[in-house]
PDB file of N, CA and C in Angstrom:
ATOM      1  N   MET A   1      69.570-131.196 -27.262  1.00  0.00           N
ATOM      2  CA  MET A   1      69.912-131.727 -28.381  1.00  0.00           C
ATOM      3  C   MET A   1      69.412-133.112 -28.240  1.00  0.00           C
ATOM      4  N   TRP A   2      69.222-133.583 -29.344  1.00  0.00           N
ATOM      5  CA  TRP A   2      68.401-135.062 -29.630  1.00  0.00           C
ATOM      6  C   TRP A   2      69.231-135.710 -30.929  1.00  0.00           C
ATOM      7  N   TRP A   3      69.888-136.980 -30.332  1.00  0.00           N
ATOM      8  CA  TRP A   3      70.486-137.973 -31.621  1.00  0.00           C
ATOM      9  C   TRP A   3      70.422-139.380 -30.827  1.00  0.00           C
ATOM     10  N   ARG A   4      70.210-140.193 -31.546  1.00  0.00           N
ATOM     11  CA  ARG A   4      70.080-141.575 -31.153  1.00  0.00           C
ATOM     12  C   ARG A   4      69.249-141.962 -30.200  1.00  0.00           C
ATOM     13  N   GLY A   5      68.247-141.221 -29.989  1.00  0.00           N
ATOM     14  CA  GLY A   5      67.502-141.282 -28.990  1.00  0.00           C
ATOM     15  C   GLY A   5      67.890-140.688 -27.542  1.00  0.00           C
ATOM     16  N   HIS A   6      68.871-139.713 -27.756  1.00  0.00           N
ATOM     17  CA  HIS A   6      68.994-139.095 -26.385  1.00  0.00           C
ATOM     18  C   HIS A   6      68.806-137.663 -26.387  1.00  0.00           C
ATOM     19  N   ILE A   7      68.386-137.498 -25.351  1.00  0.00           N
ATOM     20  CA  ILE A   7      67.946-135.949 -24.869  1.00  0.00           C
ATOM     21  C   ILE A   7      68.781-135.400 -23.741  1.00  0.00           C
ATOM     22  N   GLU A   8      69.585-134.451 -24.279  1.00  0.00           N
ATOM     23  CA  GLU A   8      70.500-133.813 -23.002  1.00  0.00           C
ATOM     24  C   GLU A   8      69.623-132.760 -21.921  1.00  0.00           C
ATOM     25  N   ILE A   9      68.283-132.358 -22.502  1.00  0.00           N
ATOM     26  CA  ILE A   9      67.567-131.487 -21.491  1.00  0.00           C
ATOM     27  C   ILE A   9      66.270-131.151 -22.390  1.00  0.00           C
ATOM     28  N   TYR A  10      65.384-130.988 -21.607  1.00  0.00           N
ATOM     29  CA  TYR A  10      64.367-131.110 -22.415  1.00  0.00           C
ATOM     30  C   TYR A  10      63.233-130.404 -21.302  1.00  0.00           C
ATOM     31  N   PHE A  11      62.572-129.416 -21.631  1.00  0.00           N
ATOM     32  CA  PHE A  11      61.365-128.746 -20.833  1.00  0.00           C
ATOM     33  C   PHE A  11      60.067-128.974 -21.278  1.00  0.00           C
ATOM     34  N   GLY A  12      59.135-129.747 -20.990  1.00  0.00           N
ATOM     35  CA  GLY A  12      58.166-130.007 -21.940  1.00  0.00           C
ATOM     36  C   GLY A  12      56.813-129.625 -21.243  1.00  0.00           C
ATOM     37  N   ALA A  13      55.560-129.819 -21.776  1.00  0.00           N
ATOM     38  CA  ALA A  13      54.425-129.826 -21.499  1.00  0.00           C
ATOM     39  C   ALA A  13      53.974-131.194 -20.927  1.00  0.00           C
ATOM     40  N   MET A  14      53.055-131.225 -19.638  1.00  0.00           N
ATOM     41  CA  MET A  14      53.129-132.222 -19.049  1.00  0.00           C
ATOM     42  C   MET A  14      52.201-133.081 -19.708  1.00  0.00           C
ATOM     43  N   VAL A  15      51.005-132.682 -20.682  1.00  0.00           N
ATOM     44  CA  VAL A  15      50.372-133.633 -21.572  1.00  0.00           C
ATOM     45  C   VAL A  15      51.355-134.392 -22.591  1.00  0.00           C
ATOM     46  N   SER A  16      52.409-133.850 -22.886  1.00  0.00           N
ATOM     47  CA  SER A  16      52.857-134.418 -24.228  1.00  0.00           C
ATOM     48  C   SER A  16      54.326-135.325 -23.343  1.00  0.00           C
ATOM     49  N   THR A  17      54.464-134.961 -22.011  1.00  0.00           N
ATOM     50  CA  THR A  17      56.135-135.587 -21.312  1.00  0.00           C
ATOM     51  C   THR A  17      55.397-136.569 -20.759  1.00  0.00           C
ATOM     52  N   ILE A  18      54.365-136.750 -19.811  1.00  0.00           N
ATOM     53  CA  ILE A  18      54.153-137.748 -18.878  1.00  0.00           C
ATOM     54  C   ILE A  18      54.002-139.155 -19.475  1.00  0.00           C
ATOM     55  N   PRO A  19      53.544-139.302 -20.805  1.00  0.00           N
ATOM     56  CA  PRO A  19      53.344-140.777 -21.500  1.00  0.00           C
ATOM     57  C   PRO A  19      54.819-141.301 -21.901  1.00  0.00           C
ATOM     58  N   HIS A  20      55.642-140.469 -22.074  1.00  0.00           N
ATOM     59  CA  HIS A  20      57.034-140.695 -21.971  1.00  0.00           C
ATOM     60  C   HIS A  20      57.668-141.073 -21.111  1.00  0.00           C
ATOM     61  N   VAL A  21      57.324-140.690 -19.745  1.00  0.00           N
ATOM     62  CA  VAL A  21      57.931-140.931 -18.454  1.00  0.00           C
ATOM     63  C   VAL A  21      57.567-142.062 -17.767  1.00  0.00           C
ATOM     64  N   LYS A  22      56.139-142.264 -18.316  1.00  0.00           N
ATOM     65  CA  LYS A  22      55.368-143.394 -17.348  1.00  0.00           C
ATOM     66  C   LYS A  22      56.013-144.729 -18.347  1.00  0.00           C
ATOM     67  N   SER A  23      56.258-144.710 -19.629  1.00  0.00           N
ATOM     68  CA  SER A  23      56.866-145.631 -20.355  1.00  0.00           C
ATOM     69  C   SER A  23      58.140-146.076 -20.295  1.00  0.00           C
ATOM     70  N   GLY A  24      58.842-144.965 -19.462  1.00  0.00           N
ATOM     71  CA  GLY A  24      60.391-145.440 -19.444  1.00  0.00           C
ATOM     72  C   GLY A  24      61.008-145.013 -20.451  1.00  0.00           C
ATOM     73  N   ARG A  25      60.552-144.237 -21.185  1.00  0.00           N
ATOM     74  CA  ARG A  25      61.538-143.723 -22.667  1.00  0.00           C
ATOM     75  C   ARG A  25      62.260-142.495 -22.164  1.00  0.00           C
ATOM     76  N   LEU A  26      61.760-141.595 -20.936  1.00  0.00           N
ATOM     77  CA  LEU A  26      62.116-140.723 -20.645  1.00  0.00           C
ATOM     78  C   LEU A  26      62.269-140.519 -18.934  1.00  0.00           C
ATOM     79  N   ARG A  27      63.241-139.890 -18.314  1.00  0.00           N
ATOM     80  CA  ARG A  27      63.439-139.697 -17.099  1.00  0.00           C
ATOM     81  C   ARG A  27      63.253-138.537 -16.525  1.00  0.00           C
ATOM     82  N   ALA A  28      62.178-138.189 -15.769  1.00  0.00           N
ATOM     83  CA  ALA A  28      62.167-136.861 -15.350  1.00  0.00           C
ATOM     84  C   ALA A  28      62.697-136.665 -14.132  1.00  0.00           C
ATOM     85  N   LEU A  29      63.170-135.472 -14.234  1.00  0.00           N
ATOM     86  CA  LEU A  29      64.346-135.031 -13.087  1.00  0.00           C
ATOM     87  C   LEU A  29      63.406-134.248 -12.164  1.00  0.00           C
ATOM     88  N   ALA A  30      62.562-133.298 -12.504  1.00  0.00           N
ATOM     89  CA  ALA A  30      61.768-132.296 -11.436  1.00  0.00           C
ATOM     90  C   ALA A  30      60.490-131.873 -12.382  1.00  0.00           C
ATOM     91  N   MET A  31      59.828-131.354 -11.582  1.00  0.00           N
ATOM     92  CA  MET A  31      58.330-130.367 -12.047  1.00  0.00           C
ATOM     93  C   MET A  31      58.803-129.178 -12.065  1.00  0.00           C
ATOM     94  N   THR A  32      58.403-128.423 -13.061  1.00  0.00           N
ATOM     95  CA  THR A  32      58.864-126.842 -12.926  1.00  0.00           C
ATOM     96  C   THR A  32      57.546-126.139 -12.119  1.00  0.00           C
ATOM     97  N   SER A  33      56.376-126.809 -11.735  1.00  0.00           N
ATOM     98  CA  SER A  33      55.060-126.137 -11.450  1.00  0.00           C
ATOM     99  C   SER A  33      55.849-126.024  -9.689  1.00  0.00           C
ATOM    100  N   ALA A  34      54.617-125.063  -9.131  1.00  0.00           N
ATOM    101  CA  ALA A  34      55.049-125.105  -7.696  1.00  0.00           C
ATOM    102  C   ALA A  34      54.676-125.996  -6.729  1.00  0.00           C
ATOM    103  N   LYS A  35      53.655-126.772  -7.503  1.00  0.00           N
ATOM    104  CA  LYS A  35      53.816-128.220  -6.566  1.00  0.00           C
ATOM    105  C   LYS A  35      53.367-129.252  -7.415  1.00  0.00           C
ATOM    106  N   ARG A  36      53.640-130.397  -6.579  1.00  0.00           N
ATOM    107  CA  ARG A  36      53.811-132.006  -7.492  1.00  0.00           C
ATOM    108  C   ARG A  36      52.231-132.043  -8.383  1.00  0.00           C
ATOM    109  N   SER A  37      52.482-132.444  -9.051  1.00  0.00           N
ATOM    110  CA  SER A  37      51.227-133.024 -10.046  1.00  0.00           C
ATOM    111  C   SER A  37      50.709-134.325  -9.540  1.00  0.00           C
ATOM    112  N   PRO A  38      49.430-134.254  -9.461  1.00  0.00           N
ATOM    113  CA  PRO A  38      48.492-135.520  -9.350  1.00  0.00           C
ATOM    114  C   PRO A  38      48.849-136.752 -10.373  1.00  0.00           C
ATOM    115  N   ALA A  39      48.925-136.355 -11.392  1.00  0.00           N
ATOM    116  CA  ALA A  39      49.502-137.454 -12.346  1.00  0.00           C
ATOM    117  C   ALA A  39      50.701-138.118 -12.134  1.00  0.00           C
ATOM    118  N   ALA A  40      51.846-137.217 -11.743  1.00  0.00           N
ATOM    119  CA  ALA A  40      53.095-137.921 -11.396  1.00  0.00           C
ATOM    120  C   ALA A  40      53.755-137.153  -9.985  1.00  0.00           C
ATOM    121  N   PRO A  41      52.962-137.762  -8.827  1.00  0.00           N
ATOM    122  CA  PRO A  41      53.338-137.451  -7.637  1.00  0.00           C
ATOM    123  C   PRO A  41      54.840-137.639  -7.109  1.00  0.00           C
ATOM    124  N   GLU A  42      55.127-138.774  -7.746  1.00  0.00           N
ATOM    125  CA  GLU A  42      56.654-139.152  -7.262  1.00  0.00           C
ATOM    126  C   GLU A  42      57.767-138.297  -7.967  1.00  0.00           C
ATOM    127  N   ILE A  43      57.319-137.316  -8.769  1.00  0.00           N
ATOM    128  CA  ILE A  43      58.309-136.237  -9.189  1.00  0.00           C
ATOM    129  C   ILE A  43      58.406-134.972  -8.842  1.00  0.00           C
ATOM    130  N   ALA A  44      59.589-134.643  -7.769  1.00  0.00           N
ATOM    131  CA  ALA A  44      59.727-133.911  -7.075  1.00  0.00           C
ATOM    132  C   ALA A  44      59.671-132.559  -7.791  1.00  0.00           C
ATOM    133  N   THR A  45      59.189-131.047  -7.261  1.00  0.00           N
ATOM    134  CA  THR A  45      59.581-129.636  -8.036  1.00  0.00           C
ATOM    135  C   THR A  45      60.869-129.383  -7.761  1.00  0.00           C
ATOM    136  N   LEU A  46      61.112-128.396  -8.692  1.00  0.00           N
ATOM    137  CA  LEU A  46      62.812-127.806  -8.609  1.00  0.00           C
ATOM    138  C   LEU A  46      62.833-127.169  -7.475  1.00  0.00           C
ATOM    139  N   GLN A  47      61.828-126.426  -6.864  1.00  0.00           N
ATOM    140  CA  GLN A  47      61.338-125.878  -5.536  1.00  0.00           C
ATOM    141  C   GLN A  47      61.931-126.887  -4.540  1.00  0.00           C
ATOM    142  N   GLU A  48      61.666-127.899  -4.501  1.00  0.00           N
ATOM    143  CA  GLU A  48      61.708-128.772  -3.241  1.00  0.00           C
ATOM    144  C   GLU A  48      63.203-129.497  -3.572  1.00  0.00           C
ATOM    145  N   GLN A  49      63.932-129.210  -4.904  1.00  0.00           N
ATOM    146  CA  GLN A  49      65.321-129.539  -4.924  1.00  0.00           C
ATOM    147  C   GLN A  49      66.227-128.338  -4.622  1.00  0.00           C
ATOM    148  N   GLY A  50      65.704-127.137  -4.169  1.00  0.00           N
ATOM    149  CA  GLY A  50      66.378-126.228  -3.846  1.00  0.00           C
ATOM    150  C   GLY A  50      66.515-125.074  -4.723  1.00  0.00           C
ATOM    151  N   PHE A  51      65.705-125.119  -6.079  1.00  0.00           N
ATOM    152  CA  PHE A  51      65.842-123.933  -6.842  1.00  0.00           C
ATOM    153  C   PHE A  51      64.569-123.063  -6.419  1.00  0.00           C
ATOM    154  N   LYS A  52      64.551-122.258  -5.418  1.00  0.00           N
ATOM    155  CA  LYS A  52      63.574-121.433  -4.817  1.00  0.00           C
ATOM    156  C   LYS A  52      63.176-120.502  -5.678  1.00  0.00           C
ATOM    157  N   GLY A  53      61.987-120.477  -5.576  1.00  0.00           N
ATOM    158  CA  GLY A  53      61.329-119.189  -6.348  1.00  0.00           C
ATOM    159  C   GLY A  53      60.910-119.703  -8.027  1.00  0.00           C
ATOM    160  N   PHE A  54      61.659-120.901  -8.208  1.00  0.00           N
ATOM    161  CA  PHE A  54      61.330-121.280  -9.670  1.00  0.00           C
ATOM    162  C   PHE A  54      60.088-121.991  -9.991  1.00  0.00           C
ATOM    163  N   GLU A  55      59.219-121.368 -10.668  1.00  0.00           N
ATOM    164  CA  GLU A  55      57.700-121.559 -11.240  1.00  0.00           C
ATOM    165  C   GLU A  55      57.616-121.657 -12.302  1.00  0.00           C
ATOM    166  N   THR A  56      57.118-122.502 -13.289  1.00  0.00           N
ATOM    167  CA  THR A  56      56.942-121.962 -14.765  1.00  0.00           C
ATOM    168  C   THR A  56      56.014-123.259 -15.120  1.00  0.00           C
ATOM    169  N   GLY A  57      54.982-122.975 -16.112  1.00  0.00           N
ATOM    170  CA  GLY A  57      54.447-123.896 -16.587  1.00  0.00           C
ATOM    171  C   GLY A  57      53.685-123.703 -18.113  1.00  0.00           C
ATOM    172  N   SER A  58      53.035-124.426 -18.490  1.00  0.00           N
ATOM    173  CA  SER A  58      52.442-124.102 -19.996  1.00  0.00           C
ATOM    174  C   SER A  58      50.692-124.046 -19.747  1.00  0.00           C
ATOM    175  N   TRP A  59      50.145-123.279 -20.801  1.00  0.00           N
ATOM    176  CA  TRP A  59      48.609-122.997 -20.533  1.00  0.00           C
ATOM    177  C   TRP A  59      48.159-122.992 -22.255  1.00  0.00           C
ATOM    178  N   PHE A  60      46.853-123.025 -21.960  1.00  0.00           N
ATOM    179  CA  PHE A  60      46.460-123.058 -23.176  1.00  0.00           C
ATOM    180  C   PHE A  60      45.078-122.198 -23.349  1.00  0.00           C
ATOM    181  N   GLY A  61      44.885-121.439 -24.394  1.00  0.00           N
ATOM    182  CA  GLY A  61      43.673-120.738 -24.688  1.00  0.00           C
ATOM    183  C   GLY A  61      42.911-120.617 -25.822  1.00  0.00           C
ATOM    184  N   LEU A  62      41.588-120.166 -25.868  1.00  0.00           N
ATOM    185  CA  LEU A  62      41.093-119.967 -27.327  1.00  0.00           C
ATOM    186  C   LEU A  62      40.893-118.515 -27.536  1.00  0.00           C
ATOM    187  N   HIS A  63      41.316-118.023 -28.891  1.00  0.00           N
ATOM    188  CA  HIS A  63      41.308-116.409 -28.957  1.00  0.00           C
ATOM    189  C   HIS A  63      40.606-116.582 -30.216  1.00  0.00           C
ATOM    190  N   VAL A  64      40.092-115.293 -30.390  1.00  0.00           N
ATOM    191  CA  VAL A  64      39.151-114.776 -31.824  1.00  0.00           C
ATOM    192  C   VAL A  64      39.536-113.558 -31.977  1.00  0.00           C
ATOM    193  N   PRO A  65      39.245-113.091 -33.069  1.00  0.00           N
ATOM    194  CA  PRO A  65      39.612-111.586 -33.677  1.00  0.00           C
ATOM    195  C   PRO A  65      38.786-110.896 -32.447  1.00  0.00           C
ATOM    196  N   ALA A  66      39.708-109.378 -32.358  1.00  0.00           N
ATOM    197  CA  ALA A  66      39.308-108.218 -31.454  1.00  0.00           C
ATOM    198  C   ALA A  66      37.992-107.997 -31.721  1.00  0.00           C
ATOM    199  N   ALA A  67      37.437-108.037 -32.938  1.00  0.00           N
ATOM    200  CA  ALA A  67      36.270-107.503 -33.585  1.00  0.00           C
ATOM    201  C   ALA A  67      35.025-108.437 -33.152  1.00  0.00           C
ATOM    202  N   THR A  68      35.111-109.466 -32.666  1.00  0.00           N
ATOM    203  CA  THR A  68      34.044-110.442 -32.308  1.00  0.00           C
ATOM    204  C   THR A  68      33.278-109.985 -31.509  1.00  0.00           C
ATOM    205  N   PRO A  69      31.828-110.134 -31.631  1.00  0.00           N
ATOM    206  CA  PRO A  69      30.872-109.873 -31.109  1.00  0.00           C
ATOM    207  C   PRO A  69      31.090-110.432 -29.640  1.00  0.00           C
ATOM    208  N   ARG A  70      30.647-109.848 -28.629  1.00  0.00           N
ATOM    209  CA  ARG A  70      30.504-110.169 -27.347  1.00  0.00           C
ATOM    210  C   ARG A  70      29.702-111.332 -27.044  1.00  0.00           C
ATOM    211  N   GLU A  71      28.813-111.587 -27.519  1.00  0.00           N
ATOM    212  CA  GLU A  71      27.695-112.364 -27.990  1.00  0.00           C
ATOM    213  C   GLU A  71      28.402-113.931 -28.392  1.00  0.00           C
ATOM    214  N   VAL A  72      29.206-113.954 -29.289  1.00  0.00           N
ATOM    215  CA  VAL A  72      30.010-115.096 -29.772  1.00  0.00           C
ATOM    216  C   VAL A  72      30.837-115.371 -28.744  1.00  0.00           C
ATOM    217  N   VAL A  73      31.747-114.420 -28.289  1.00  0.00           N
ATOM    218  CA  VAL A  73      32.771-115.014 -27.249  1.00  0.00           C
ATOM    219  C   VAL A  73      31.954-115.719 -26.352  1.00  0.00           C
ATOM    220  N   SER A  74      31.064-115.031 -25.793  1.00  0.00           N
ATOM    221  CA  SER A  74      29.956-115.673 -24.537  1.00  0.00           C
ATOM    222  C   SER A  74      29.509-117.206 -24.852  1.00  0.00           C
ATOM    223  N   ASN A  75      29.279-117.118 -26.266  1.00  0.00           N
ATOM    224  CA  ASN A  75      29.006-118.630 -26.624  1.00  0.00           C
ATOM    225  C   ASN A  75      29.728-119.586 -26.559  1.00  0.00           C
ATOM    226  N   LEU A  76      30.712-119.316 -27.031  1.00  0.00           N
ATOM    227  CA  LEU A  76      32.009-119.919 -27.363  1.00  0.00           C
ATOM    228  C   LEU A  76      32.400-120.345 -25.928  1.00  0.00           C
ATOM    229  N   HIS A  77      32.543-119.432 -24.765  1.00  0.00           N
ATOM    230  CA  HIS A  77      33.156-119.817 -23.522  1.00  0.00           C
ATOM    231  C   HIS A  77      32.194-120.494 -23.067  1.00  0.00           C
ATOM    232  N   ALA A  78      30.760-120.604 -22.848  1.00  0.00           N
ATOM    233  CA  ALA A  78      30.128-121.223 -22.377  1.00  0.00           C
ATOM    234  C   ALA A  78      30.028-122.920 -22.899  1.00  0.00           C
ATOM    235  N   GLU A  79      30.241-123.022 -24.261  1.00  0.00           N
ATOM    236  CA  GLU A  79      30.443-124.311 -25.047  1.00  0.00           C
ATOM    237  C   GLU A  79      31.774-124.744 -24.590  1.00  0.00           C
ATOM    238  N   THR A  80      32.707-123.938 -24.377  1.00  0.00           N
ATOM    239  CA  THR A  80      34.285-124.516 -23.868  1.00  0.00           C
ATOM    240  C   THR A  80      33.911-124.821 -22.409  1.00  0.00           C
ATOM    241  N   LEU A  81      33.120-124.315 -21.567  1.00  0.00           N
ATOM    242  CA  LEU A  81      33.163-124.659 -20.377  1.00  0.00           C
ATOM    243  C   LEU A  81      32.023-126.387 -20.198  1.00  0.00           C
ATOM    244  N   ARG A  82      31.305-126.164 -21.256  1.00  0.00           N
ATOM    245  CA  ARG A  82      30.519-127.706 -21.313  1.00  0.00           C
ATOM    246  C   ARG A  82      31.582-128.731 -22.045  1.00  0.00           C
ATOM    247  N   ALA A  83      32.397-128.336 -22.787  1.00  0.00           N
ATOM    248  CA  ALA A  83      33.328-129.396 -23.090  1.00  0.00           C
ATOM    249  C   ALA A  83      34.375-129.811 -22.070  1.00  0.00           C
ATOM    250  N   LEU A  84      34.812-128.836 -21.161  1.00  0.00           N
ATOM    251  CA  LEU A  84      35.624-129.234 -20.192  1.00  0.00           C
ATOM    252  C   LEU A  84      35.211-129.823 -19.241  1.00  0.00           C
ATOM    253  N   ALA A  85      33.800-129.942 -18.929  1.00  0.00           N
ATOM    254  CA  ALA A  85      33.154-130.833 -17.992  1.00  0.00           C
ATOM    255  C   ALA A  85      32.814-132.202 -18.616  1.00  0.00           C
ATOM    256  N   VAL A  86      33.096-132.441 -19.663  1.00  0.00           N
ATOM    257  CA  VAL A  86      32.750-134.007 -20.156  1.00  0.00           C
ATOM    258  C   VAL A  86      33.452-134.578 -19.355  1.00  0.00           C
ATOM    259  N   PRO A  87      32.791-135.739 -18.423  1.00  0.00           N
ATOM    260  CA  PRO A  87      33.760-136.618 -17.858  1.00  0.00           C
ATOM    261  C   PRO A  87      34.870-137.529 -18.630  1.00  0.00           C
ATOM    262  N   GLU A  88      34.555-137.897 -20.119  1.00  0.00           N
ATOM    263  CA  GLU A  88      35.439-138.874 -20.734  1.00  0.00           C
ATOM    264  C   GLU A  88      36.706-138.232 -21.287  1.00  0.00           C
ATOM    265  N   LEU A  89      36.753-136.547 -21.307  1.00  0.00           N
ATOM    266  CA  LEU A  89      37.918-135.869 -21.509  1.00  0.00           C
ATOM    267  C   LEU A  89      38.637-135.520 -20.484  1.00  0.00           C
ATOM    268  N   ARG A  90      38.145-135.499 -19.280  1.00  0.00           N
ATOM    269  CA  ARG A  90      38.558-135.169 -18.132  1.00  0.00           C
ATOM    270  C   ARG A  90      39.369-136.399 -17.571  1.00  0.00           C
ATOM    271  N   ASN A  91      38.852-137.330 -17.602  1.00  0.00           N
ATOM    272  CA  ASN A  91      39.475-138.792 -17.366  1.00  0.00           C
ATOM    273  C   ASN A  91      40.607-139.385 -17.970  1.00  0.00           C
ATOM    274  N   ARG A  92      40.502-138.823 -19.610  1.00  0.00           N
ATOM    275  CA  ARG A  92      41.392-139.057 -20.538  1.00  0.00           C
ATOM    276  C   ARG A  92      42.865-138.179 -20.388  1.00  0.00           C
ATOM    277  N   MET A  93      42.589-137.192 -20.041  1.00  0.00           N
ATOM    278  CA  MET A  93      43.646-135.956 -19.748  1.00  0.00           C
ATOM    279  C   MET A  93      44.224-135.774 -18.633  1.00  0.00           C
ATOM    280  N   GLN A  94      43.678-135.877 -17.494  1.00  0.00           N
ATOM    281  CA  GLN A  94      44.053-135.751 -16.084  1.00  0.00           C
ATOM    282  C   GLN A  94      45.254-136.439 -15.763  1.00  0.00           C
ATOM    283  N   PRO A  95      45.115-137.904 -16.101  1.00  0.00           N
ATOM    284  CA  PRO A  95      46.212-138.651 -16.083  1.00  0.00           C
ATOM    285  C   PRO A  95      47.968-138.228 -16.601  1.00  0.00           C
ATOM    286  N   GLU A  96      47.443-137.436 -17.523  1.00  0.00           N
ATOM    287  CA  GLU A  96      48.650-137.156 -17.906  1.00  0.00           C
ATOM    288  C   GLU A  96      49.069-135.673 -17.850  1.00  0.00           C
ATOM    289  N   GLY A  97      48.358-135.007 -16.855  1.00  0.00           N
ATOM    290  CA  GLY A  97      48.786-133.617 -16.018  1.00  0.00           C
ATOM    291  C   GLY A  97      48.019-132.664 -16.521  1.00  0.00           C
ATOM    292  N   ALA A  98      46.946-132.773 -17.299  1.00  0.00           N
ATOM    293  CA  ALA A  98      46.259-131.799 -17.797  1.00  0.00           C
ATOM    294  C   ALA A  98      45.372-131.247 -16.496  1.00  0.00           C
ATOM    295  N   GLU A  99      45.298-130.122 -15.923  1.00  0.00           N
ATOM    296  CA  GLU A  99      44.529-129.435 -15.416  1.00  0.00           C
ATOM    297  C   GLU A  99      43.260-128.204 -16.094  1.00  0.00           C
ATOM    298  N   PHE A 100      42.165-128.513 -16.040  1.00  0.00           N
ATOM    299  CA  PHE A 100      41.377-127.686 -16.430  1.00  0.00           C
ATOM    300  C   PHE A 100      40.770-126.627 -15.906  1.00  0.00           C
ATOM    301  N   ILE A 101      40.767-125.504 -16.196  1.00  0.00           N
ATOM    302  CA  ILE A 101      40.506-124.241 -15.305  1.00  0.00           C
ATOM    303  C   ILE A 101      39.091-123.568 -15.935  1.00  0.00           C
ATOM    304  N   GLY A 102      39.566-123.472 -17.069  1.00  0.00           N
ATOM    305  CA  GLY A 102      37.933-122.673 -17.867  1.00  0.00           C
ATOM    306  C   GLY A 102      37.574-121.229 -17.546  1.00  0.00           C
ATOM    307  N   ASP A 103      38.784-120.190 -17.186  1.00  0.00           N
ATOM    308  CA  ASP A 103      38.293-119.308 -16.730  1.00  0.00           C
ATOM    309  C   ASP A 103      37.989-118.377 -17.940  1.00  0.00           C
ATOM    310  N   THR A 104      37.377-117.038 -17.138  1.00  0.00           N
ATOM    311  CA  THR A 104      36.936-115.992 -18.425  1.00  0.00           C
ATOM    312  C   THR A 104      37.966-115.569 -19.145  1.00  0.00           C
ATOM    313  N   SER A 105      37.261-114.940 -20.079  1.00  0.00           N
ATOM    314  CA  SER A 105      38.227-114.517 -21.328  1.00  0.00           C
ATOM    315  C   SER A 105      38.870-113.028 -20.602  1.00  0.00           C
ATOM    316  N   GLU A 106      38.162-112.509 -19.726  1.00  0.00           N
ATOM    317  CA  GLU A 106      38.783-111.416 -18.874  1.00  0.00           C
ATOM    318  C   GLU A 106      40.365-111.921 -18.448  1.00  0.00           C
ATOM    319  N   ARG A 107      40.157-112.695 -17.415  1.00  0.00           N
ATOM    320  CA  ARG A 107      41.247-113.074 -17.010  1.00  0.00           C
ATOM    321  C   ARG A 107      42.245-113.896 -18.058  1.00  0.00           C
ATOM    322  N   LEU A 108      41.963-114.404 -18.947  1.00  0.00           N
ATOM    323  CA  LEU A 108      42.925-114.879 -20.126  1.00  0.00           C
ATOM    324  C   LEU A 108      43.696-114.001 -20.453  1.00  0.00           C
TER     325      LEU A 108
END
């Protein structure tokens, strides 16, 4: 619940949360990932705090209609990998907790 600038509890994606933690507007109690994030190594995981087996995270993927030709999917995948390799994008997003994977559509 949020009112007057107070949040009782919040589970948020790293990219949208870390800037608020670093600015002091939010206090992080734990990471829900299996390991600490390089973007905020000072924040312990829930597992480290005794919640064994607790792991959750968020991810993003690109989707197309099922009938999209395989060649189009392959081209989109190749261009996505190129974009994820751009140093400016990586340098901007990694300090906020983004981890770029760029796996195959089959794995997604």
